[in-house]
Amino acid sequence: MAGSLLRGMVAGAAGTVALDAATYADMALRGRPASGVPAKVASRLAGKAGLDLSAGGEEATANRKGGLGALLGLATGVGLGAAYGLLGRRGTLWDGAALGLAAMAASDVPAAALGVTDPRGWGAEAWASDLVPHLLYGAATAAAWRALRG
């Protein structure tokens, strides 16, 4: 069980790298800024937990929120990979699609629930910008899992 958990975590980390690479490539190609959603989600969650992120001025606060948002993304990607590893799946293309959609839900549902974003108002471009990197996450995670399983 520990081996499956660790392999799943490594697979999830590989998937997270794929998601980040796709996101940064999209930013570079289209000249778009980084999303502020992860930082806003982190800020809202920190507030609900009673954590004060404001020490050190505006720039330090923004950096804390950005760092925590990025850490939430890493935790989501590695955590989903760990759960996948514990399920002992085969690493198929269908698994990859399901993993990608699960990762997308794991980031979008809390953001919507916290009032940070409303996917009902997103256009096709926004949906594609969210869906494609998450599907790549799933494909890379499933492929890494399959390779690590031997």
N, C-alpha and C. Protein backbone atom coordinates (compact mmCIF):
# COMPACT_ATOMS: atom_id res chain seq x y z
N MET A 1 0.83 -1.19 0.00
CA MET A 1 0.00 0.00 0.00
C MET A 1 0.88 1.26 0.00
N ALA A 2 1.94 1.28 0.80
CA ALA A 2 2.82 2.45 0.84
C ALA A 2 3.47 2.68 -0.52
N GLY A 3 3.83 1.58 -1.20
CA GLY A 3 4.43 1.72 -2.53
C GLY A 3 3.45 2.32 -3.53
N SER A 4 2.20 1.90 -3.46
CA SER A 4 1.18 2.45 -4.36
C SER A 4 0.94 3.92 -4.08
N LEU A 5 0.93 4.28 -2.80
CA LEU A 5 0.75 5.68 -2.41
C LEU A 5 1.89 6.54 -2.94
N LEU A 6 3.12 6.07 -2.73
CA LEU A 6 4.28 6.84 -3.18
C LEU A 6 4.33 6.95 -4.70
N ARG A 7 4.06 5.84 -5.40
CA ARG A 7 4.04 5.90 -6.87
C ARG A 7 2.94 6.84 -7.35
N GLY A 8 1.80 6.83 -6.68
CA GLY A 8 0.73 7.74 -7.04
C GLY A 8 1.12 9.20 -6.83
N MET A 9 1.82 9.46 -5.73
CA MET A 9 2.27 10.83 -5.47
C MET A 9 3.25 11.30 -6.54
N VAL A 10 4.17 10.42 -6.92
CA VAL A 10 5.14 10.76 -7.97
C VAL A 10 4.41 10.99 -9.30
N ALA A 11 3.45 10.12 -9.59
CA ALA A 11 2.67 10.28 -10.83
C ALA A 11 1.90 11.60 -10.80
N GLY A 12 1.30 11.93 -9.65
CA GLY A 12 0.59 13.20 -9.51
C GLY A 12 1.52 14.40 -9.68
N ALA A 13 2.74 14.28 -9.17
CA ALA A 13 3.72 15.35 -9.35
C ALA A 13 4.08 15.52 -10.82
N ALA A 14 4.22 14.40 -11.53
CA ALA A 14 4.49 14.48 -12.98
C ALA A 14 3.32 15.15 -13.70
N GLY A 15 2.12 14.79 -13.31
CA GLY A 15 0.94 15.42 -13.91
C GLY A 15 0.89 16.91 -13.62
N THR A 16 1.27 17.29 -12.41
CA THR A 16 1.27 18.71 -12.03
C THR A 16 2.28 19.48 -12.87
N VAL A 17 3.43 18.89 -13.13
CA VAL A 17 4.42 19.54 -14.01
C VAL A 17 3.83 19.73 -15.40
N ALA A 18 3.12 18.71 -15.90
CA ALA A 18 2.50 18.83 -17.23
C ALA A 18 1.46 19.95 -17.25
N LEU A 19 0.64 20.03 -16.20
CA LEU A 19 -0.38 21.08 -16.11
C LEU A 19 0.29 22.45 -16.08
N ASP A 20 1.31 22.60 -15.24
CA ASP A 20 2.01 23.89 -15.14
C ASP A 20 2.66 24.26 -16.47
N ALA A 21 3.29 23.29 -17.13
CA ALA A 21 3.93 23.58 -18.41
C ALA A 21 2.91 24.04 -19.45
N ALA A 22 1.77 23.37 -19.49
CA ALA A 22 0.72 23.77 -20.44
C ALA A 22 0.20 25.16 -20.12
N THR A 23 0.03 25.45 -18.85
CA THR A 23 -0.46 26.77 -18.44
C THR A 23 0.55 27.86 -18.80
N TYR A 24 1.83 27.62 -18.52
CA TYR A 24 2.85 28.62 -18.83
C TYR A 24 3.03 28.79 -20.33
N ALA A 25 2.89 27.70 -21.08
CA ALA A 25 2.97 27.80 -22.55
C ALA A 25 1.81 28.64 -23.08
N ASP A 26 0.62 28.44 -22.53
CA ASP A 26 -0.54 29.23 -22.93
C ASP A 26 -0.31 30.71 -22.62
N MET A 27 0.24 30.99 -21.44
CA MET A 27 0.54 32.38 -21.07
C MET A 27 1.54 32.99 -22.04
N ALA A 28 2.56 32.23 -22.40
CA ALA A 28 3.60 32.73 -23.31
C ALA A 28 3.05 32.94 -24.72
N LEU A 29 2.24 32.00 -25.20
CA LEU A 29 1.71 32.11 -26.56
C LEU A 29 0.69 33.23 -26.70
N ARG A 30 -0.19 33.36 -25.71
CA ARG A 30 -1.26 34.36 -25.83
C ARG A 30 -0.94 35.67 -25.13
N GLY A 31 0.15 35.69 -24.39
CA GLY A 31 0.52 36.91 -23.68
C GLY A 31 -0.42 37.24 -22.54
N ARG A 32 -1.06 36.23 -21.98
CA ARG A 32 -2.02 36.47 -20.91
C ARG A 32 -1.32 36.41 -19.56
N PRO A 33 -1.88 37.07 -18.57
CA PRO A 33 -1.27 37.03 -17.23
C PRO A 33 -1.61 35.73 -16.51
N ALA A 34 -0.90 35.49 -15.44
CA ALA A 34 -1.22 34.35 -14.58
C ALA A 34 -2.59 34.57 -13.96
N SER A 35 -3.28 33.51 -13.67
CA SER A 35 -4.59 33.60 -13.03
C SER A 35 -4.42 34.03 -11.58
N GLY A 36 -5.29 34.89 -11.14
CA GLY A 36 -5.30 35.29 -9.74
C GLY A 36 -6.18 34.41 -8.88
N VAL A 37 -6.86 33.45 -9.49
CA VAL A 37 -7.81 32.60 -8.76
C VAL A 37 -7.14 31.81 -7.65
N PRO A 38 -6.00 31.11 -7.89
CA PRO A 38 -5.40 30.34 -6.79
C PRO A 38 -5.05 31.20 -5.58
N ALA A 39 -4.53 32.39 -5.82
CA ALA A 39 -4.18 33.28 -4.71
C ALA A 39 -5.42 33.74 -3.96
N LYS A 40 -6.50 34.01 -4.69
CA LYS A 40 -7.74 34.43 -4.04
C LYS A 40 -8.34 33.29 -3.23
N VAL A 41 -8.29 32.07 -3.77
CA VAL A 41 -8.79 30.91 -3.02
C VAL A 41 -7.98 30.74 -1.75
N ALA A 42 -6.65 30.81 -1.87
CA ALA A 42 -5.78 30.68 -0.70
C ALA A 42 -6.09 31.74 0.34
N SER A 43 -6.30 32.96 -0.13
CA SER A 43 -6.62 34.06 0.78
C SER A 43 -7.93 33.81 1.53
N ARG A 44 -8.94 33.37 0.78
CA ARG A 44 -10.24 33.09 1.42
C ARG A 44 -10.14 31.94 2.41
N LEU A 45 -9.42 30.89 2.04
CA LEU A 45 -9.25 29.75 2.95
C LEU A 45 -8.46 30.15 4.19
N ALA A 46 -7.43 30.95 4.00
CA ALA A 46 -6.65 31.43 5.15
C ALA A 46 -7.53 32.26 6.08
N GLY A 47 -8.36 33.11 5.51
CA GLY A 47 -9.28 33.91 6.32
C GLY A 47 -10.24 33.04 7.11
N LYS A 48 -10.77 32.00 6.46
CA LYS A 48 -11.69 31.09 7.16
C LYS A 48 -10.99 30.32 8.28
N ALA A 49 -9.67 30.10 8.11
CA ALA A 49 -8.89 29.40 9.12
C ALA A 49 -8.37 30.35 10.19
N GLY A 50 -8.65 31.64 10.02
CA GLY A 50 -8.21 32.62 11.01
C GLY A 50 -6.75 33.02 10.87
N LEU A 51 -6.16 32.77 9.71
CA LEU A 51 -4.76 33.13 9.48
C LEU A 51 -4.67 34.54 8.90
N ASP A 52 -3.76 35.32 9.42
CA ASP A 52 -3.53 36.67 8.93
C ASP A 52 -2.32 36.66 8.02
N LEU A 53 -2.52 36.97 6.75
CA LEU A 53 -1.44 36.96 5.77
C LEU A 53 -0.87 38.35 5.52
N SER A 54 -1.30 39.34 6.29
CA SER A 54 -0.99 40.73 5.95
C SER A 54 0.29 41.29 6.55
N ALA A 55 1.03 40.52 7.31
CA ALA A 55 2.26 41.05 7.91
C ALA A 55 3.27 41.41 6.82
N GLY A 56 3.92 42.56 6.96
CA GLY A 56 4.99 42.94 6.06
C GLY A 56 4.58 43.80 4.89
N GLY A 57 3.34 44.25 4.83
CA GLY A 57 2.92 45.15 3.77
C GLY A 57 2.23 44.45 2.61
N GLU A 58 1.79 45.28 1.65
CA GLU A 58 0.99 44.79 0.51
C GLU A 58 1.73 43.78 -0.35
N GLU A 59 2.98 44.07 -0.66
CA GLU A 59 3.73 43.17 -1.54
C GLU A 59 3.94 41.81 -0.87
N ALA A 60 4.30 41.81 0.39
CA ALA A 60 4.49 40.55 1.13
C ALA A 60 3.18 39.78 1.22
N THR A 61 2.08 40.48 1.43
CA THR A 61 0.77 39.82 1.49
C THR A 61 0.43 39.17 0.16
N ALA A 62 0.63 39.91 -0.93
CA ALA A 62 0.35 39.37 -2.26
C ALA A 62 1.24 38.15 -2.54
N ASN A 63 2.50 38.23 -2.13
CA ASN A 63 3.41 37.11 -2.34
C ASN A 63 2.98 35.88 -1.53
N ARG A 64 2.54 36.09 -0.31
CA ARG A 64 2.05 34.98 0.52
C ARG A 64 0.84 34.31 -0.14
N LYS A 65 -0.08 35.13 -0.58
CA LYS A 65 -1.29 34.59 -1.23
C LYS A 65 -0.91 33.82 -2.49
N GLY A 66 -0.01 34.36 -3.29
CA GLY A 66 0.43 33.67 -4.50
C GLY A 66 1.14 32.36 -4.19
N GLY A 67 2.00 32.39 -3.19
CA GLY A 67 2.71 31.18 -2.78
C GLY A 67 1.76 30.12 -2.25
N LEU A 68 0.81 30.54 -1.42
CA LEU A 68 -0.16 29.58 -0.89
C LEU A 68 -1.06 29.03 -2.00
N GLY A 69 -1.41 29.87 -2.96
CA GLY A 69 -2.21 29.39 -4.09
C GLY A 69 -1.47 28.33 -4.88
N ALA A 70 -0.18 28.57 -5.13
CA ALA A 70 0.63 27.58 -5.85
C ALA A 70 0.76 26.29 -5.05
N LEU A 71 0.95 26.41 -3.74
CA LEU A 71 1.04 25.21 -2.89
C LEU A 71 -0.26 24.42 -2.89
N LEU A 72 -1.39 25.12 -2.92
CA LEU A 72 -2.68 24.42 -3.01
C LEU A 72 -2.77 23.61 -4.30
N GLY A 73 -2.28 24.19 -5.40
CA GLY A 73 -2.27 23.47 -6.66
C GLY A 73 -1.38 22.23 -6.61
N LEU A 74 -0.20 22.37 -6.01
CA LEU A 74 0.68 21.22 -5.86
C LEU A 74 0.04 20.14 -4.99
N ALA A 75 -0.56 20.56 -3.90
CA ALA A 75 -1.21 19.60 -3.00
C ALA A 75 -2.36 18.88 -3.70
N THR A 76 -3.10 19.61 -4.50
CA THR A 76 -4.20 18.99 -5.25
C THR A 76 -3.67 17.96 -6.24
N GLY A 77 -2.67 18.33 -7.01
CA GLY A 77 -2.12 17.42 -8.01
C GLY A 77 -1.48 16.19 -7.40
N VAL A 78 -0.67 16.37 -6.39
CA VAL A 78 -0.01 15.23 -5.75
C VAL A 78 -1.03 14.40 -4.97
N GLY A 79 -1.98 15.08 -4.33
CA GLY A 79 -3.01 14.36 -3.57
C GLY A 79 -3.90 13.51 -4.45
N LEU A 80 -4.31 14.04 -5.59
CA LEU A 80 -5.11 13.23 -6.52
C LEU A 80 -4.31 12.06 -7.06
N GLY A 81 -3.03 12.28 -7.32
CA GLY A 81 -2.18 11.18 -7.75
C GLY A 81 -2.07 10.11 -6.68
N ALA A 82 -1.95 10.52 -5.42
CA ALA A 82 -1.88 9.57 -4.32
C ALA A 82 -3.16 8.75 -4.23
N ALA A 83 -4.29 9.42 -4.34
CA ALA A 83 -5.58 8.71 -4.30
C ALA A 83 -5.68 7.73 -5.47
N TYR A 84 -5.24 8.17 -6.63
CA TYR A 84 -5.25 7.30 -7.81
C TYR A 84 -4.37 6.08 -7.57
N GLY A 85 -3.20 6.31 -7.00
CA GLY A 85 -2.30 5.20 -6.71
C GLY A 85 -2.92 4.19 -5.76
N LEU A 86 -3.63 4.68 -4.77
CA LEU A 86 -4.27 3.78 -3.81
C LEU A 86 -5.40 2.98 -4.46
N LEU A 87 -6.01 3.55 -5.49
CA LEU A 87 -7.07 2.83 -6.19
C LEU A 87 -6.50 1.69 -7.05
N GLY A 88 -5.20 1.78 -7.37
CA GLY A 88 -4.56 0.71 -8.13
C GLY A 88 -5.06 0.57 -9.54
N ARG A 89 -5.41 1.67 -10.17
CA ARG A 89 -5.92 1.62 -11.54
C ARG A 89 -4.82 1.23 -12.51
N ARG A 90 -5.18 1.12 -13.78
CA ARG A 90 -4.25 0.62 -14.79
C ARG A 90 -3.50 1.71 -15.54
N GLY A 91 -3.91 2.95 -15.45
CA GLY A 91 -3.22 4.01 -16.16
C GLY A 91 -3.66 4.13 -17.61
N THR A 92 -4.94 3.93 -17.86
CA THR A 92 -5.45 3.99 -19.23
C THR A 92 -5.75 5.43 -19.65
N LEU A 93 -6.02 5.60 -20.92
CA LEU A 93 -6.41 6.91 -21.44
C LEU A 93 -7.69 7.40 -20.76
N TRP A 94 -8.63 6.48 -20.54
CA TRP A 94 -9.88 6.85 -19.86
C TRP A 94 -9.61 7.28 -18.42
N ASP A 95 -8.69 6.60 -17.76
CA ASP A 95 -8.29 7.01 -16.41
C ASP A 95 -7.73 8.43 -16.43
N GLY A 96 -6.92 8.70 -17.45
CA GLY A 96 -6.33 10.03 -17.57
C GLY A 96 -7.39 11.10 -17.74
N ALA A 97 -8.40 10.83 -18.56
CA ALA A 97 -9.48 11.80 -18.75
C ALA A 97 -10.24 12.02 -17.44
N ALA A 98 -10.52 10.92 -16.74
CA ALA A 98 -11.23 11.03 -15.45
C ALA A 98 -10.39 11.79 -14.43
N LEU A 99 -9.09 11.52 -14.40
CA LEU A 99 -8.19 12.24 -13.49
C LEU A 99 -8.17 13.74 -13.81
N GLY A 100 -8.11 14.06 -15.09
CA GLY A 100 -8.10 15.46 -15.49
C GLY A 100 -9.37 16.18 -15.08
N LEU A 101 -10.50 15.54 -15.27
CA LEU A 101 -11.77 16.15 -14.87
C LEU A 101 -11.87 16.26 -13.35
N ALA A 102 -11.34 15.26 -12.64
CA ALA A 102 -11.33 15.32 -11.17
C ALA A 102 -10.45 16.47 -10.68
N ALA A 103 -9.31 16.65 -11.33
CA ALA A 103 -8.41 17.76 -10.95
C ALA A 103 -9.07 19.10 -11.22
N MET A 104 -9.76 19.18 -12.34
CA MET A 104 -10.45 20.42 -12.69
C MET A 104 -11.54 20.72 -11.65
N ALA A 105 -12.30 19.70 -11.29
CA ALA A 105 -13.34 19.89 -10.27
C ALA A 105 -12.73 20.24 -8.93
N ALA A 106 -11.59 19.63 -8.60
CA ALA A 106 -10.95 19.88 -7.31
C ALA A 106 -10.45 21.32 -7.19
N SER A 107 -10.21 21.97 -8.31
CA SER A 107 -9.80 23.38 -8.25
C SER A 107 -10.97 24.33 -8.47
N ASP A 108 -11.87 23.98 -9.38
CA ASP A 108 -12.96 24.90 -9.73
C ASP A 108 -14.09 24.92 -8.72
N VAL A 109 -14.43 23.77 -8.15
CA VAL A 109 -15.55 23.73 -7.21
C VAL A 109 -15.27 24.57 -5.96
N PRO A 110 -14.11 24.41 -5.32
CA PRO A 110 -13.85 25.28 -4.16
C PRO A 110 -13.79 26.77 -4.53
N ALA A 111 -13.21 27.07 -5.69
CA ALA A 111 -13.14 28.47 -6.12
C ALA A 111 -14.54 29.05 -6.30
N ALA A 112 -15.43 28.28 -6.88
CA ALA A 112 -16.81 28.74 -7.07
C ALA A 112 -17.53 28.82 -5.72
N ALA A 113 -17.33 27.83 -4.88
CA ALA A 113 -18.00 27.82 -3.57
C ALA A 113 -17.56 28.99 -2.70
N LEU A 114 -16.31 29.42 -2.87
CA LEU A 114 -15.79 30.56 -2.10
C LEU A 114 -16.12 31.90 -2.75
N GLY A 115 -16.80 31.85 -3.89
CA GLY A 115 -17.18 33.09 -4.57
C GLY A 115 -16.05 33.76 -5.32
N VAL A 116 -14.98 33.04 -5.59
CA VAL A 116 -13.83 33.61 -6.30
C VAL A 116 -14.09 33.69 -7.80
N THR A 117 -14.82 32.72 -8.32
CA THR A 117 -15.13 32.67 -9.74
C THR A 117 -16.50 32.04 -9.93
N ASP A 118 -17.08 32.27 -11.09
CA ASP A 118 -18.37 31.66 -11.41
C ASP A 118 -18.27 31.04 -12.80
N PRO A 119 -17.99 29.73 -12.87
CA PRO A 119 -17.83 29.08 -14.17
C PRO A 119 -19.04 29.21 -15.10
N ARG A 120 -20.20 29.50 -14.55
CA ARG A 120 -21.39 29.66 -15.40
C ARG A 120 -21.24 30.84 -16.34
N GLY A 121 -20.39 31.78 -15.98
CA GLY A 121 -20.19 32.96 -16.82
C GLY A 121 -18.97 32.88 -17.73
N TRP A 122 -18.27 31.76 -17.70
CA TRP A 122 -17.08 31.62 -18.52
C TRP A 122 -17.45 31.43 -19.99
N GLY A 123 -16.62 31.98 -20.85
CA GLY A 123 -16.77 31.75 -22.28
C GLY A 123 -15.97 30.52 -22.71
N ALA A 124 -16.05 30.21 -23.99
CA ALA A 124 -15.37 29.03 -24.53
C ALA A 124 -13.86 29.10 -24.31
N GLU A 125 -13.27 30.27 -24.47
CA GLU A 125 -11.82 30.41 -24.30
C GLU A 125 -11.41 30.12 -22.87
N ALA A 126 -12.19 30.60 -21.91
CA ALA A 126 -11.87 30.36 -20.50
C ALA A 126 -12.00 28.88 -20.16
N TRP A 127 -13.06 28.24 -20.69
CA TRP A 127 -13.23 26.80 -20.45
C TRP A 127 -12.07 26.02 -21.05
N ALA A 128 -11.66 26.36 -22.26
CA ALA A 128 -10.54 25.66 -22.90
C ALA A 128 -9.25 25.88 -22.12
N SER A 129 -9.04 27.10 -21.64
CA SER A 129 -7.83 27.41 -20.86
C SER A 129 -7.78 26.62 -19.56
N ASP A 130 -8.93 26.24 -19.06
CA ASP A 130 -9.01 25.45 -17.83
C ASP A 130 -8.98 23.95 -18.14
N LEU A 131 -9.71 23.55 -19.16
CA LEU A 131 -9.85 22.12 -19.46
C LEU A 131 -8.58 21.48 -20.00
N VAL A 132 -7.94 22.12 -20.96
CA VAL A 132 -6.78 21.50 -21.63
C VAL A 132 -5.65 21.18 -20.65
N PRO A 133 -5.21 22.12 -19.81
CA PRO A 133 -4.14 21.76 -18.87
C PRO A 133 -4.55 20.65 -17.89
N HIS A 134 -5.81 20.65 -17.48
CA HIS A 134 -6.25 19.60 -16.55
C HIS A 134 -6.30 18.23 -17.23
N LEU A 135 -6.70 18.18 -18.49
CA LEU A 135 -6.67 16.91 -19.22
C LEU A 135 -5.24 16.44 -19.42
N LEU A 136 -4.33 17.37 -19.65
CA LEU A 136 -2.91 17.00 -19.76
C LEU A 136 -2.39 16.49 -18.41
N TYR A 137 -2.84 17.10 -17.32
CA TYR A 137 -2.51 16.59 -15.98
C TYR A 137 -2.92 15.13 -15.88
N GLY A 138 -4.17 14.85 -16.23
CA GLY A 138 -4.67 13.49 -16.12
C GLY A 138 -3.91 12.51 -16.97
N ALA A 139 -3.64 12.89 -18.22
CA ALA A 139 -2.92 12.00 -19.13
C ALA A 139 -1.51 11.72 -18.61
N ALA A 140 -0.82 12.76 -18.16
CA ALA A 140 0.54 12.59 -17.65
C ALA A 140 0.55 11.77 -16.36
N THR A 141 -0.42 12.01 -15.50
CA THR A 141 -0.49 11.26 -14.24
C THR A 141 -0.73 9.78 -14.52
N ALA A 142 -1.69 9.48 -15.39
CA ALA A 142 -1.99 8.08 -15.71
C ALA A 142 -0.80 7.41 -16.40
N ALA A 143 -0.13 8.13 -17.30
CA ALA A 143 1.03 7.56 -17.99
C ALA A 143 2.18 7.31 -17.02
N ALA A 144 2.41 8.27 -16.13
CA ALA A 144 3.48 8.09 -15.14
C ALA A 144 3.16 6.92 -14.22
N TRP A 145 1.90 6.81 -13.81
CA TRP A 145 1.49 5.70 -12.95
C TRP A 145 1.74 4.36 -13.65
N ARG A 146 1.35 4.30 -14.92
CA ARG A 146 1.54 3.07 -15.69
C ARG A 146 3.03 2.73 -15.77
N ALA A 147 3.88 3.73 -16.01
CA ALA A 147 5.32 3.49 -16.11
C ALA A 147 5.91 3.08 -14.77
N LEU A 148 5.45 3.68 -13.69
CA LEU A 148 5.98 3.37 -12.36
C LEU A 148 5.52 2.02 -11.84
N ARG A 149 4.37 1.58 -12.30
CA ARG A 149 3.84 0.28 -11.88
C ARG A 149 4.68 -0.86 -12.42
N GLY A 150 5.29 -0.61 -13.57
CA GLY A 150 6.15 -1.63 -14.15
C GLY A 150 5.41 -2.70 -14.90
